[in-house]
């Protein structure tokens, strides 16, 4: 069955830390609701909550995160019935993450085959390339979080595109090139940073 996250919305914020108290994003329900309200005023009608999975969140508890997500979902629906919320993870690449995805410990973006992936900012190009290829070979479509932070990637954009990886610095620059995806540099971690969120564009 096709995921409900499909081509029904033009813009989907695919990289947010809006679930309260599960990582370094929103700390309270009120802060989460403020972030979503800001997104709503900007015209966003679908968001994917992507709590950190892996190195930056060693105490991550999927069931707790899902519970808090359900609470947030219910609150948002009372305020904005037309706002869609989905669940996923921002996955720090490391040994075993593909198996974690297959077993459901780590989550794709909203039940699709897209996966939000993060590496060490000092990672060599070859490590990032091989890591992303591992996702592709396993049937996933990797989206690189914080693309602007990886100085070792600047030399071979074409190589990344051959992996079906979307890594662009701004929504405007990507939409000028491709109808498939628009990804900006930063995620929604606080209301003050909302304008730098990641967006996925579907034609």
N, C-alpha and C. Protein backbone atom coordinates (compact mmCIF):
# COMPACT_ATOMS: atom_id res chain seq x y z
N UNK A 1 0.85 -1.20 0.00
CA UNK A 1 0.00 0.00 0.00
C UNK A 1 0.88 1.25 0.00
N UNK A 2 0.52 2.20 -0.81
CA UNK A 2 1.30 3.43 -0.91
C UNK A 2 1.13 4.27 0.34
N UNK A 3 2.21 4.86 0.82
CA UNK A 3 2.14 5.71 2.00
C UNK A 3 1.23 6.91 1.76
N UNK A 4 0.54 7.34 2.82
CA UNK A 4 -0.31 8.53 2.73
C UNK A 4 0.52 9.77 2.43
N UNK A 5 1.83 9.70 2.71
CA UNK A 5 2.73 10.78 2.35
C UNK A 5 3.08 10.60 0.88
N UNK A 6 2.41 11.29 0.00
CA UNK A 6 2.60 11.09 -1.43
C UNK A 6 2.76 12.43 -2.11
N UNK A 7 2.14 12.60 -3.25
CA UNK A 7 2.30 13.86 -3.99
C UNK A 7 1.10 14.78 -3.78
N UNK A 8 0.43 14.65 -2.64
CA UNK A 8 -0.77 15.44 -2.38
C UNK A 8 -0.43 16.87 -1.94
N UNK A 9 0.80 17.12 -1.50
CA UNK A 9 1.18 18.46 -1.07
C UNK A 9 2.40 18.91 -1.86
N UNK A 10 2.44 20.17 -2.19
CA UNK A 10 3.60 20.69 -2.91
C UNK A 10 4.82 20.78 -2.02
N UNK A 11 4.63 21.31 -0.80
CA UNK A 11 5.76 21.50 0.09
C UNK A 11 5.56 20.71 1.38
N UNK A 12 6.56 19.94 1.71
CA UNK A 12 6.54 19.14 2.93
C UNK A 12 7.83 19.43 3.69
N UNK A 13 7.69 19.87 4.93
CA UNK A 13 8.88 20.11 5.74
C UNK A 13 9.37 18.75 6.23
N UNK A 14 10.48 18.30 5.68
CA UNK A 14 10.91 16.92 5.92
C UNK A 14 11.95 16.77 7.02
N UNK A 15 12.36 17.86 7.64
CA UNK A 15 13.43 17.77 8.65
C UNK A 15 13.11 18.72 9.79
N UNK A 16 12.44 18.19 10.81
CA UNK A 16 12.05 19.01 11.95
C UNK A 16 12.32 18.26 13.25
N UNK A 17 12.52 19.05 14.29
CA UNK A 17 12.68 18.48 15.64
C UNK A 17 11.58 19.06 16.52
N UNK A 18 10.35 18.66 16.20
CA UNK A 18 9.16 19.26 16.80
C UNK A 18 8.54 18.42 17.91
N UNK A 19 9.00 17.19 18.11
CA UNK A 19 8.43 16.37 19.18
C UNK A 19 9.04 16.82 20.50
N UNK A 20 8.23 17.18 21.46
CA UNK A 20 8.79 17.75 22.70
C UNK A 20 9.52 16.72 23.56
N UNK A 21 10.75 17.12 23.96
CA UNK A 21 11.47 16.35 24.95
C UNK A 21 12.10 15.05 24.50
N UNK A 22 12.37 14.90 23.20
CA UNK A 22 12.97 13.63 22.75
C UNK A 22 14.39 13.80 22.21
N UNK A 23 14.79 15.04 21.89
CA UNK A 23 16.16 15.27 21.42
C UNK A 23 16.52 16.73 21.69
N UNK A 24 17.35 17.32 20.83
CA UNK A 24 17.80 18.69 21.07
C UNK A 24 16.88 19.73 20.44
N UNK A 25 15.67 19.34 20.05
CA UNK A 25 14.73 20.26 19.46
C UNK A 25 13.81 20.87 20.49
N UNK A 26 12.52 20.84 20.22
CA UNK A 26 11.54 21.41 21.14
C UNK A 26 11.63 20.74 22.50
N UNK A 27 11.57 21.56 23.56
CA UNK A 27 11.64 21.02 24.91
C UNK A 27 10.25 20.81 25.51
N UNK A 28 9.29 21.62 25.12
CA UNK A 28 7.95 21.56 25.70
C UNK A 28 6.91 21.46 24.60
N UNK A 29 5.71 21.04 24.97
CA UNK A 29 4.61 20.98 24.01
C UNK A 29 4.29 22.37 23.46
N UNK A 30 4.38 23.37 24.31
CA UNK A 30 4.09 24.74 23.87
C UNK A 30 5.08 25.18 22.80
N UNK A 31 6.36 24.84 22.98
CA UNK A 31 7.35 25.19 21.97
C UNK A 31 7.08 24.45 20.67
N UNK A 32 6.70 23.18 20.76
CA UNK A 32 6.36 22.41 19.56
C UNK A 32 5.22 23.06 18.80
N UNK A 33 4.18 23.44 19.54
CA UNK A 33 3.02 24.06 18.90
C UNK A 33 3.37 25.40 18.28
N UNK A 34 4.26 26.16 18.91
CA UNK A 34 4.71 27.43 18.33
C UNK A 34 5.43 27.21 17.01
N UNK A 35 6.29 26.19 16.96
CA UNK A 35 7.01 25.89 15.73
C UNK A 35 6.06 25.51 14.61
N UNK A 36 5.07 24.70 14.94
CA UNK A 36 4.11 24.25 13.93
C UNK A 36 3.23 25.41 13.48
N UNK A 37 2.88 26.29 14.41
CA UNK A 37 2.08 27.46 14.05
C UNK A 37 2.85 28.36 13.08
N UNK A 38 4.13 28.53 13.32
CA UNK A 38 4.96 29.32 12.41
C UNK A 38 4.97 28.70 11.02
N UNK A 39 5.14 27.38 10.98
CA UNK A 39 5.14 26.68 9.69
C UNK A 39 3.79 26.84 8.99
N UNK A 40 2.73 26.75 9.74
CA UNK A 40 1.38 26.87 9.15
C UNK A 40 1.19 28.24 8.53
N UNK A 41 1.64 29.27 9.23
CA UNK A 41 1.51 30.63 8.70
C UNK A 41 2.30 30.81 7.42
N UNK A 42 3.36 30.02 7.24
CA UNK A 42 4.18 30.10 6.02
C UNK A 42 3.59 29.27 4.88
N UNK A 43 2.47 28.59 5.13
CA UNK A 43 1.84 27.82 4.07
C UNK A 43 2.16 26.35 4.07
N UNK A 44 2.98 25.88 5.02
CA UNK A 44 3.28 24.46 5.12
C UNK A 44 2.06 23.73 5.65
N UNK A 45 1.72 22.61 4.99
CA UNK A 45 0.57 21.83 5.44
C UNK A 45 0.93 20.37 5.73
N UNK A 46 2.21 20.05 5.68
CA UNK A 46 2.66 18.71 6.04
C UNK A 46 4.07 18.81 6.59
N UNK A 47 4.33 18.12 7.72
CA UNK A 47 5.64 18.16 8.36
C UNK A 47 6.00 16.74 8.81
N UNK A 48 7.29 16.44 8.71
CA UNK A 48 7.78 15.16 9.22
C UNK A 48 8.64 15.43 10.45
N UNK A 49 8.26 14.85 11.57
CA UNK A 49 9.07 14.93 12.78
C UNK A 49 10.22 13.94 12.65
N UNK A 50 11.45 14.44 12.82
CA UNK A 50 12.62 13.59 12.59
C UNK A 50 13.57 13.64 13.79
N UNK A 51 13.20 13.03 14.92
CA UNK A 51 14.12 13.00 16.06
C UNK A 51 15.42 12.28 15.70
N UNK A 52 16.49 12.72 16.33
CA UNK A 52 17.80 12.11 16.08
C UNK A 52 17.79 10.63 16.45
N UNK A 53 18.44 9.84 15.59
CA UNK A 53 18.64 8.41 15.86
C UNK A 53 20.13 8.13 15.73
N UNK A 54 20.73 7.58 16.79
CA UNK A 54 22.15 7.24 16.72
C UNK A 54 23.00 8.07 17.64
N UNK A 55 24.17 8.44 17.17
CA UNK A 55 25.22 9.06 17.98
C UNK A 55 24.75 10.23 18.82
N UNK A 56 23.96 11.15 18.24
CA UNK A 56 23.60 12.37 18.94
C UNK A 56 22.42 12.18 19.90
N UNK A 57 21.88 10.99 19.95
CA UNK A 57 20.73 10.75 20.82
C UNK A 57 20.79 9.31 21.35
N UNK A 58 21.82 8.99 22.14
CA UNK A 58 22.03 7.60 22.57
C UNK A 58 20.91 7.04 23.44
N UNK A 59 20.14 7.91 24.08
CA UNK A 59 19.05 7.45 24.95
C UNK A 59 17.70 7.45 24.24
N UNK A 60 17.73 7.54 22.92
CA UNK A 60 16.48 7.58 22.15
C UNK A 60 15.61 6.37 22.44
N UNK A 61 14.34 6.63 22.70
CA UNK A 61 13.35 5.60 22.98
C UNK A 61 12.22 5.76 21.96
N UNK A 62 12.17 4.85 20.99
CA UNK A 62 11.20 4.98 19.92
C UNK A 62 9.77 5.02 20.43
N UNK A 63 9.44 4.15 21.36
CA UNK A 63 8.07 4.10 21.85
C UNK A 63 7.68 5.39 22.57
N UNK A 64 8.61 5.92 23.34
CA UNK A 64 8.35 7.20 24.00
C UNK A 64 8.16 8.31 22.97
N UNK A 65 9.03 8.33 21.96
CA UNK A 65 8.94 9.35 20.92
C UNK A 65 7.60 9.25 20.18
N UNK A 66 7.17 8.03 19.88
CA UNK A 66 5.89 7.85 19.20
C UNK A 66 4.72 8.30 20.08
N UNK A 67 4.84 8.06 21.38
CA UNK A 67 3.80 8.49 22.29
C UNK A 67 3.68 10.00 22.34
N UNK A 68 4.82 10.67 22.43
CA UNK A 68 4.82 12.14 22.44
C UNK A 68 4.34 12.69 21.09
N UNK A 69 4.71 12.00 20.02
CA UNK A 69 4.25 12.40 18.69
C UNK A 69 2.73 12.31 18.62
N UNK A 70 2.15 11.25 19.16
CA UNK A 70 0.70 11.08 19.14
C UNK A 70 0.01 12.21 19.92
N UNK A 71 0.59 12.59 21.05
CA UNK A 71 0.04 13.71 21.83
C UNK A 71 0.08 14.99 21.01
N UNK A 72 1.22 15.23 20.36
CA UNK A 72 1.38 16.43 19.53
C UNK A 72 0.39 16.41 18.37
N UNK A 73 0.25 15.28 17.74
CA UNK A 73 -0.66 15.12 16.61
C UNK A 73 -2.08 15.50 17.02
N UNK A 74 -2.51 14.99 18.16
CA UNK A 74 -3.87 15.29 18.63
C UNK A 74 -4.06 16.77 18.90
N UNK A 75 -3.07 17.40 19.51
CA UNK A 75 -3.17 18.83 19.81
C UNK A 75 -3.24 19.65 18.52
N UNK A 76 -2.39 19.29 17.55
CA UNK A 76 -2.35 20.04 16.29
C UNK A 76 -3.66 19.89 15.53
N UNK A 77 -4.24 18.71 15.53
CA UNK A 77 -5.48 18.47 14.79
C UNK A 77 -6.64 19.30 15.34
N UNK A 78 -6.61 19.59 16.62
CA UNK A 78 -7.67 20.42 17.19
C UNK A 78 -7.54 21.87 16.73
N UNK A 79 -6.31 22.28 16.44
CA UNK A 79 -6.05 23.67 16.05
C UNK A 79 -6.13 23.83 14.54
N UNK A 80 -5.45 22.93 13.82
CA UNK A 80 -5.38 22.99 12.35
C UNK A 80 -5.68 21.60 11.78
N UNK A 81 -6.95 21.29 11.54
CA UNK A 81 -7.30 19.96 11.03
C UNK A 81 -6.63 19.60 9.70
N UNK A 82 -6.23 20.61 8.92
CA UNK A 82 -5.63 20.34 7.62
C UNK A 82 -4.11 20.19 7.66
N UNK A 83 -3.51 20.30 8.84
CA UNK A 83 -2.07 20.10 8.95
C UNK A 83 -1.78 18.60 9.11
N UNK A 84 -0.92 18.06 8.25
CA UNK A 84 -0.54 16.66 8.30
C UNK A 84 0.80 16.52 9.00
N UNK A 85 0.89 15.59 9.94
CA UNK A 85 2.15 15.29 10.62
C UNK A 85 2.52 13.84 10.38
N UNK A 86 3.82 13.62 10.10
CA UNK A 86 4.34 12.27 9.89
C UNK A 86 5.56 12.05 10.78
N UNK A 87 5.95 10.81 10.89
CA UNK A 87 7.06 10.45 11.76
C UNK A 87 8.22 9.89 10.94
N UNK A 88 9.43 10.18 11.39
CA UNK A 88 10.63 9.63 10.76
C UNK A 88 11.79 9.77 11.72
N UNK A 89 12.99 9.68 11.21
CA UNK A 89 14.20 9.92 12.02
C UNK A 89 15.24 10.65 11.20
N UNK A 90 16.09 11.38 11.88
CA UNK A 90 17.35 11.86 11.31
C UNK A 90 18.41 10.88 11.79
N UNK A 91 18.93 10.08 10.88
CA UNK A 91 19.75 8.93 11.24
C UNK A 91 21.23 9.26 11.09
N UNK A 92 21.97 9.13 12.17
CA UNK A 92 23.42 9.29 12.10
C UNK A 92 24.01 7.99 11.57
N UNK A 93 24.75 8.09 10.46
CA UNK A 93 25.25 6.88 9.82
C UNK A 93 26.28 6.16 10.70
N UNK A 94 26.11 4.86 10.77
CA UNK A 94 27.05 4.02 11.51
C UNK A 94 26.75 2.57 11.22
N UNK A 95 27.56 1.69 11.76
CA UNK A 95 27.37 0.26 11.54
C UNK A 95 25.99 -0.16 12.04
N UNK A 96 25.30 -0.92 11.20
CA UNK A 96 24.02 -1.49 11.62
C UNK A 96 22.79 -0.66 11.34
N UNK A 97 22.94 0.55 10.78
CA UNK A 97 21.76 1.40 10.60
C UNK A 97 20.81 0.85 9.54
N UNK A 98 21.33 0.18 8.52
CA UNK A 98 20.45 -0.41 7.51
C UNK A 98 19.60 -1.50 8.15
N UNK A 99 20.21 -2.32 8.97
CA UNK A 99 19.46 -3.35 9.68
C UNK A 99 18.43 -2.73 10.62
N UNK A 100 18.79 -1.62 11.26
CA UNK A 100 17.85 -0.93 12.14
C UNK A 100 16.64 -0.43 11.36
N UNK A 101 16.87 0.05 10.14
CA UNK A 101 15.76 0.48 9.30
C UNK A 101 14.87 -0.70 8.92
N UNK A 102 15.49 -1.77 8.51
CA UNK A 102 14.72 -2.94 8.08
C UNK A 102 13.89 -3.52 9.21
N UNK A 103 14.40 -3.43 10.43
CA UNK A 103 13.68 -3.99 11.58
C UNK A 103 12.76 -2.98 12.25
N UNK A 104 12.73 -1.74 11.71
CA UNK A 104 11.81 -0.74 12.22
C UNK A 104 12.28 -0.01 13.46
N UNK A 105 13.53 -0.21 13.84
CA UNK A 105 14.05 0.54 15.00
C UNK A 105 14.30 1.99 14.61
N UNK A 106 14.80 2.20 13.41
CA UNK A 106 14.93 3.54 12.82
C UNK A 106 13.89 3.66 11.73
N UNK A 107 13.45 4.90 11.46
CA UNK A 107 12.31 5.10 10.58
C UNK A 107 12.68 5.92 9.34
N UNK A 108 12.06 5.56 8.23
CA UNK A 108 12.17 6.37 7.02
C UNK A 108 11.29 7.62 7.18
N UNK A 109 11.29 8.46 6.17
CA UNK A 109 10.51 9.69 6.22
C UNK A 109 9.05 9.41 5.88
N UNK A 110 8.23 9.38 6.90
CA UNK A 110 6.79 9.24 6.70
C UNK A 110 6.36 7.96 6.02
N UNK A 111 7.12 6.88 6.20
CA UNK A 111 6.74 5.61 5.61
C UNK A 111 7.11 5.47 4.14
N UNK A 112 7.86 6.43 3.60
CA UNK A 112 8.32 6.35 2.21
C UNK A 112 9.65 5.61 2.16
N UNK A 113 10.31 5.61 1.01
CA UNK A 113 11.63 5.03 0.91
C UNK A 113 12.73 6.08 1.07
N UNK A 114 12.36 7.33 1.38
CA UNK A 114 13.34 8.37 1.65
C UNK A 114 13.85 8.24 3.09
N UNK A 115 15.17 8.45 3.25
CA UNK A 115 15.80 8.35 4.56
C UNK A 115 16.65 9.59 4.79
N UNK A 116 16.44 10.26 5.92
CA UNK A 116 17.23 11.44 6.27
C UNK A 116 18.49 10.97 6.99
N UNK A 117 19.66 11.28 6.42
CA UNK A 117 20.92 10.73 6.89
C UNK A 117 21.89 11.83 7.27
N UNK A 118 22.62 11.61 8.33
CA UNK A 118 23.63 12.56 8.80
C UNK A 118 24.95 11.82 9.01
N UNK A 119 26.05 12.50 8.71
CA UNK A 119 27.40 11.97 8.92
C UNK A 119 28.17 12.94 9.82
N UNK A 120 29.33 12.50 10.28
CA UNK A 120 30.24 13.42 10.94
C UNK A 120 30.62 14.51 9.95
N UNK A 121 30.67 15.75 10.41
CA UNK A 121 31.02 16.84 9.50
C UNK A 121 32.43 16.73 8.97
N UNK A 122 33.28 15.95 9.64
CA UNK A 122 34.65 15.76 9.20
C UNK A 122 34.84 14.51 8.35
N UNK A 123 33.77 13.83 8.04
CA UNK A 123 33.87 12.58 7.29
C UNK A 123 34.48 12.82 5.92
N UNK A 124 35.31 11.89 5.50
CA UNK A 124 35.90 11.96 4.17
C UNK A 124 34.83 11.70 3.12
N UNK A 125 35.08 12.25 1.93
CA UNK A 125 34.13 12.07 0.84
C UNK A 125 33.84 10.59 0.60
N UNK A 126 34.89 9.76 0.60
CA UNK A 126 34.71 8.34 0.30
C UNK A 126 33.80 7.65 1.31
N UNK A 127 33.90 8.05 2.58
CA UNK A 127 33.05 7.44 3.61
C UNK A 127 31.59 7.84 3.41
N UNK A 128 31.36 9.11 3.09
CA UNK A 128 29.99 9.56 2.86
C UNK A 128 29.42 8.87 1.62
N UNK A 129 30.23 8.82 0.57
CA UNK A 129 29.77 8.20 -0.68
C UNK A 129 29.40 6.74 -0.45
N UNK A 130 30.28 6.00 0.20
CA UNK A 130 30.03 4.58 0.43
C UNK A 130 28.83 4.38 1.36
N UNK A 131 28.71 5.25 2.36
CA UNK A 131 27.57 5.14 3.26
C UNK A 131 26.25 5.38 2.54
N UNK A 132 26.21 6.40 1.70
CA UNK A 132 25.00 6.69 0.95
C UNK A 132 24.69 5.59 -0.06
N UNK A 133 25.74 5.05 -0.66
CA UNK A 133 25.52 3.95 -1.61
C UNK A 133 24.94 2.73 -0.91
N UNK A 134 25.32 2.54 0.35
CA UNK A 134 24.75 1.43 1.12
C UNK A 134 23.24 1.59 1.26
N UNK A 135 22.78 2.81 1.52
CA UNK A 135 21.35 3.05 1.60
C UNK A 135 20.67 2.78 0.25
N UNK A 136 21.27 3.30 -0.82
CA UNK A 136 20.69 3.12 -2.16
C UNK A 136 20.61 1.64 -2.52
N UNK A 137 21.69 0.91 -2.25
CA UNK A 137 21.71 -0.51 -2.59
C UNK A 137 20.69 -1.31 -1.79
N UNK A 138 20.32 -0.78 -0.63
CA UNK A 138 19.31 -1.44 0.20
C UNK A 138 17.89 -1.03 -0.18
N UNK A 139 17.77 -0.17 -1.18
CA UNK A 139 16.45 0.21 -1.67
C UNK A 139 15.92 1.52 -1.12
N UNK A 140 16.76 2.29 -0.45
CA UNK A 140 16.32 3.57 0.12
C UNK A 140 16.83 4.74 -0.72
N UNK A 141 16.21 5.90 -0.54
CA UNK A 141 16.64 7.12 -1.20
C UNK A 141 17.16 8.08 -0.13
N UNK A 142 18.45 8.21 0.00
CA UNK A 142 18.99 9.04 1.07
C UNK A 142 18.88 10.53 0.78
N UNK A 143 18.51 11.27 1.82
CA UNK A 143 18.51 12.73 1.79
C UNK A 143 19.51 13.17 2.84
N UNK A 144 20.50 13.93 2.45
CA UNK A 144 21.59 14.30 3.35
C UNK A 144 21.23 15.51 4.19
N UNK A 145 21.17 15.33 5.49
CA UNK A 145 20.91 16.44 6.41
C UNK A 145 22.15 17.32 6.51
N UNK A 146 21.94 18.61 6.65
CA UNK A 146 23.03 19.57 6.86
C UNK A 146 24.06 19.50 5.74
N UNK A 147 23.60 19.50 4.52
CA UNK A 147 24.52 19.32 3.39
C UNK A 147 25.61 20.38 3.35
N UNK A 148 25.30 21.58 3.85
CA UNK A 148 26.28 22.68 3.79
C UNK A 148 27.46 22.46 4.71
N UNK A 149 27.38 21.51 5.63
CA UNK A 149 28.44 21.32 6.61
C UNK A 149 29.57 20.40 6.13
N UNK A 150 29.35 19.71 5.02
CA UNK A 150 30.32 18.71 4.59
C UNK A 150 31.25 19.28 3.53
N UNK A 151 32.36 19.82 3.98
CA UNK A 151 33.29 20.46 3.04
C UNK A 151 33.86 19.45 2.06
N UNK A 152 33.95 18.18 2.45
CA UNK A 152 34.54 17.17 1.57
C UNK A 152 33.58 16.73 0.46
N UNK A 153 32.35 17.23 0.46
CA UNK A 153 31.40 16.88 -0.60
C UNK A 153 31.42 17.86 -1.75
N UNK A 154 32.05 19.00 -1.57
CA UNK A 154 31.92 20.06 -2.55
C UNK A 154 32.57 19.72 -3.90
N UNK A 155 33.39 18.69 -3.92
CA UNK A 155 34.14 18.38 -5.14
C UNK A 155 33.40 17.52 -6.14
N UNK A 156 32.34 16.83 -5.71
CA UNK A 156 31.72 15.87 -6.63
C UNK A 156 30.21 15.81 -6.46
N UNK A 157 29.52 16.88 -6.82
CA UNK A 157 28.07 16.89 -6.78
C UNK A 157 27.48 15.87 -7.75
N UNK A 158 28.09 15.73 -8.94
CA UNK A 158 27.56 14.80 -9.93
C UNK A 158 27.59 13.37 -9.40
N UNK A 159 28.64 13.03 -8.66
CA UNK A 159 28.72 11.70 -8.10
C UNK A 159 27.58 11.43 -7.13
N UNK A 160 27.21 12.46 -6.35
CA UNK A 160 26.11 12.31 -5.42
C UNK A 160 24.78 12.17 -6.17
N UNK A 161 24.62 12.92 -7.25
CA UNK A 161 23.38 12.84 -8.01
C UNK A 161 23.21 11.47 -8.65
N UNK A 162 24.30 10.82 -9.00
CA UNK A 162 24.20 9.47 -9.55
C UNK A 162 23.64 8.50 -8.52
N UNK A 163 23.78 8.85 -7.24
CA UNK A 163 23.21 8.03 -6.18
C UNK A 163 21.77 8.41 -5.86
N UNK A 164 21.19 9.30 -6.65
CA UNK A 164 19.85 9.82 -6.39
C UNK A 164 19.80 10.58 -5.06
N UNK A 165 20.93 11.15 -4.69
CA UNK A 165 20.97 11.96 -3.46
C UNK A 165 20.66 13.39 -3.79
N UNK A 166 19.77 14.02 -3.05
CA UNK A 166 19.42 15.41 -3.25
C UNK A 166 20.15 16.24 -2.20
N UNK A 167 21.12 17.06 -2.59
CA UNK A 167 21.84 17.88 -1.63
C UNK A 167 22.03 19.28 -2.22
N UNK A 168 21.14 20.16 -1.94
CA UNK A 168 21.20 21.50 -2.47
C UNK A 168 21.13 22.49 -1.34
N UNK A 169 21.69 23.67 -1.58
CA UNK A 169 21.80 24.66 -0.53
C UNK A 169 20.54 25.46 -0.27
N UNK A 170 19.62 25.54 -1.23
CA UNK A 170 18.41 26.31 -1.00
C UNK A 170 17.29 25.77 -1.87
N UNK A 171 16.08 26.04 -1.43
CA UNK A 171 14.93 25.60 -2.21
C UNK A 171 14.92 26.26 -3.58
N UNK A 172 15.22 27.55 -3.65
CA UNK A 172 15.18 28.26 -4.92
C UNK A 172 16.18 27.68 -5.92
N UNK A 173 17.40 27.38 -5.45
CA UNK A 173 18.42 26.88 -6.38
C UNK A 173 18.04 25.52 -6.91
N UNK A 174 17.40 24.71 -6.10
CA UNK A 174 17.02 23.38 -6.56
C UNK A 174 15.84 23.43 -7.50
N UNK A 175 14.83 24.22 -7.17
CA UNK A 175 13.64 24.26 -8.01
C UNK A 175 13.97 24.79 -9.39
N UNK A 176 15.06 25.55 -9.51
CA UNK A 176 15.49 26.02 -10.81
C UNK A 176 16.08 24.88 -11.63
N UNK A 177 16.46 23.77 -10.95
CA UNK A 177 17.14 22.69 -11.65
C UNK A 177 16.29 21.42 -11.78
N UNK A 178 15.42 21.16 -10.80
CA UNK A 178 14.78 19.86 -10.76
C UNK A 178 13.39 19.95 -10.18
N UNK A 179 12.42 19.18 -10.70
CA UNK A 179 11.08 19.16 -10.14
C UNK A 179 10.92 18.12 -9.04
N UNK A 180 11.98 17.47 -8.65
CA UNK A 180 11.86 16.32 -7.76
C UNK A 180 11.92 16.67 -6.28
N UNK A 181 12.85 17.51 -5.89
CA UNK A 181 13.01 17.75 -4.46
C UNK A 181 13.62 19.11 -4.22
N UNK A 182 13.25 19.71 -3.12
CA UNK A 182 13.84 20.98 -2.73
C UNK A 182 14.28 20.88 -1.28
N UNK A 183 15.55 21.05 -1.03
CA UNK A 183 16.08 20.84 0.30
C UNK A 183 16.94 22.02 0.69
N UNK A 184 16.59 22.69 1.78
CA UNK A 184 17.41 23.77 2.26
C UNK A 184 18.33 23.27 3.35
N UNK A 185 19.13 24.17 3.87
CA UNK A 185 20.28 23.73 4.66
C UNK A 185 20.00 23.35 6.10
N UNK A 186 18.98 23.91 6.71
CA UNK A 186 18.82 23.74 8.15
C UNK A 186 17.47 23.17 8.50
N UNK A 187 17.37 22.62 9.69
CA UNK A 187 16.12 22.05 10.14
C UNK A 187 15.40 22.95 11.11
N UNK A 188 14.17 22.58 11.42
CA UNK A 188 13.37 23.35 12.38
C UNK A 188 13.70 22.85 13.78
N UNK A 189 14.59 23.54 14.46
CA UNK A 189 14.93 23.17 15.83
C UNK A 189 14.34 24.16 16.82
N UNK A 190 14.03 25.36 16.35
CA UNK A 190 13.40 26.35 17.22
C UNK A 190 12.62 27.31 16.36
N UNK A 191 11.72 28.04 16.98
CA UNK A 191 10.91 28.98 16.21
C UNK A 191 11.78 30.04 15.54
N UNK A 192 12.90 30.35 16.10
CA UNK A 192 13.77 31.36 15.51
C UNK A 192 14.48 30.88 14.27
N UNK A 193 14.54 29.56 14.06
CA UNK A 193 15.25 29.02 12.90
C UNK A 193 14.30 28.44 11.87
N UNK A 194 13.00 28.68 12.02
CA UNK A 194 12.01 28.01 11.19
C UNK A 194 12.20 28.24 9.69
N UNK A 195 12.66 29.42 9.30
CA UNK A 195 12.77 29.73 7.88
C UNK A 195 13.84 28.91 7.18
N UNK A 196 14.71 28.23 7.94
CA UNK A 196 15.73 27.42 7.31
C UNK A 196 15.39 25.98 7.22
N UNK A 197 14.11 25.61 7.31
CA UNK A 197 13.73 24.21 7.35
C UNK A 197 13.90 23.54 6.01
N UNK A 198 13.93 22.22 6.03
CA UNK A 198 14.03 21.43 4.81
C UNK A 198 12.67 21.26 4.17
N UNK A 199 12.65 21.34 2.86
CA UNK A 199 11.38 21.20 2.15
C UNK A 199 11.53 20.18 1.05
N UNK A 200 10.54 19.33 0.90
CA UNK A 200 10.48 18.39 -0.21
C UNK A 200 9.40 18.84 -1.17
N UNK A 201 9.74 18.96 -2.43
CA UNK A 201 8.79 19.44 -3.44
C UNK A 201 8.37 18.27 -4.32
N UNK A 202 7.08 18.16 -4.51
CA UNK A 202 6.53 17.16 -5.42
C UNK A 202 5.78 17.88 -6.53
N UNK A 203 6.07 17.56 -7.77
CA UNK A 203 5.36 18.20 -8.88
C UNK A 203 4.02 17.51 -9.11
